[in-house]
C-alpha atoms as a PDB file:
ATOM      1  CA  MET A   1       0.000   0.000   0.000  1.00  0.00           C
ATOM      2  CA  GLY A   2       2.876   2.357   0.588  1.00  0.00           C
ATOM      3  CA  PHE A   3       3.191   5.290   2.938  1.00  0.00           C
ATOM      4  CA  PHE A   4       0.647   8.075   3.037  1.00  0.00           C
ATOM      5  CA  SER A   5       3.170  10.756   3.925  1.00  0.00           C
ATOM      6  CA  PHE A   6       6.871  11.417   3.907  1.00  0.00           C
ATOM      7  CA  GLU A   7       6.802  11.742   7.700  1.00  0.00           C
ATOM      8  CA  THR A   8       5.455   8.200   8.107  1.00  0.00           C
ATOM      9  CA  ALA A   9       8.109   6.777   5.803  1.00  0.00           C
ATOM     10  CA  TRP A  10      10.844   8.736   7.615  1.00  0.00           C
ATOM     11  CA  ARG A  11       9.801   7.466  11.055  1.00  0.00           C
ATOM     12  CA  THR A  12       9.576   3.897   9.816  1.00  0.00           C
ATOM     13  CA  LEU A  13      13.097   4.058   8.385  1.00  0.00           C
ATOM     14  CA  GLN A  14      14.390   5.552  11.628  1.00  0.00           C
ATOM     15  CA  GLY A  15      12.856   2.634  13.512  1.00  0.00           C
ATOM     16  CA  TYR A  16      14.575   0.109  11.244  1.00  0.00           C
ATOM     17  CA  GLU A  17      17.903   1.869  11.716  1.00  0.00           C
ATOM     18  CA  VAL A  18      17.569   1.952  15.508  1.00  0.00           C
ATOM     19  CA  MET A  19      16.691  -1.748  15.634  1.00  0.00           C
ATOM     20  CA  ASN A  20      19.733  -2.571  13.489  1.00  0.00           C
ATOM     21  CA  MET A  21      21.952  -0.469  15.729  1.00  0.00           C
ATOM     22  CA  LEU A  22      20.556  -2.277  18.769  1.00  0.00           C
ATOM     23  CA  ARG A  23      21.177  -5.659  17.155  1.00  0.00           C
ATOM     24  CA  LYS A  24      24.780  -4.686  16.358  1.00  0.00           C
ATOM     25  CA  GLY A  25      25.423  -3.445  19.898  1.00  0.00           C
ATOM     26  CA  GLN A  26      25.937   0.178  18.853  1.00  0.00           C
ATOM     27  CA  LEU A  27      23.542   1.618  21.445  1.00  0.00           C
ATOM     28  CA  GLN A  28      24.571   2.257  25.016  1.00  0.00           C
ATOM     29  CA  GLY A  29      22.608   0.017  27.361  1.00  0.00           C
ATOM     30  CA  GLY A  30      22.057  -2.882  24.976  1.00  0.00           C
ATOM     31  CA  GLY A  31      25.071  -5.087  24.443  1.00  0.00           C
ATOM     32  CA  LYS A  32      25.642  -7.057  21.259  1.00  0.00           C
ATOM     33  CA  GLY A  33      24.221 -10.522  21.712  1.00  0.00           C
ATOM     34  CA  ASP A  34      22.847  -9.693  25.166  1.00  0.00           C
ATOM     35  CA  VAL A  35      19.165 -10.246  24.496  1.00  0.00           C
ATOM     36  CA  ARG A  36      18.053  -9.580  28.070  1.00  0.00           C
ATOM     37  CA  SER A  37      19.598  -6.105  28.145  1.00  0.00           C
ATOM     38  CA  GLN A  38      18.160  -5.348  24.691  1.00  0.00           C
ATOM     39  CA  ILE A  39      14.677  -6.337  25.867  1.00  0.00           C
ATOM     40  CA  ALA A  40      15.077  -4.237  29.016  1.00  0.00           C
ATOM     41  CA  LEU A  41      16.221  -1.224  26.970  1.00  0.00           C
ATOM     42  CA  VAL A  42      13.271  -1.445  24.554  1.00  0.00           C
ATOM     43  CA  ALA A  43      10.849  -1.935  27.447  1.00  0.00           C
ATOM     44  CA  LYS A  44      12.290   1.110  29.203  1.00  0.00           C
ATOM     45  CA  LEU A  45      12.075   3.246  26.064  1.00  0.00           C
ATOM     46  CA  PHE A  46       8.445   2.344  25.387  1.00  0.00           C
ATOM     47  CA  GLY A  47       7.342   2.214  29.031  1.00  0.00           C
ATOM     48  CA  VAL A  48       6.393  -1.458  28.894  1.00  0.00           C
ATOM     49  CA  ALA A  49       6.515  -3.632  32.000  1.00  0.00           C
ATOM     50  CA  ILE A  50       8.449  -6.866  31.625  1.00  0.00           C
END
């Protein structure tokens, strides 16, 4: 269907880039290969209880 606006496409691409950085261990607080710390970081960012 595509994106309805440039803003939506931009935010989606930013999300993909952040998830790739997290997977590679390039973000502070989520180590590469440390799934538990990655889950905790995402939960903290989105305010989700784990």
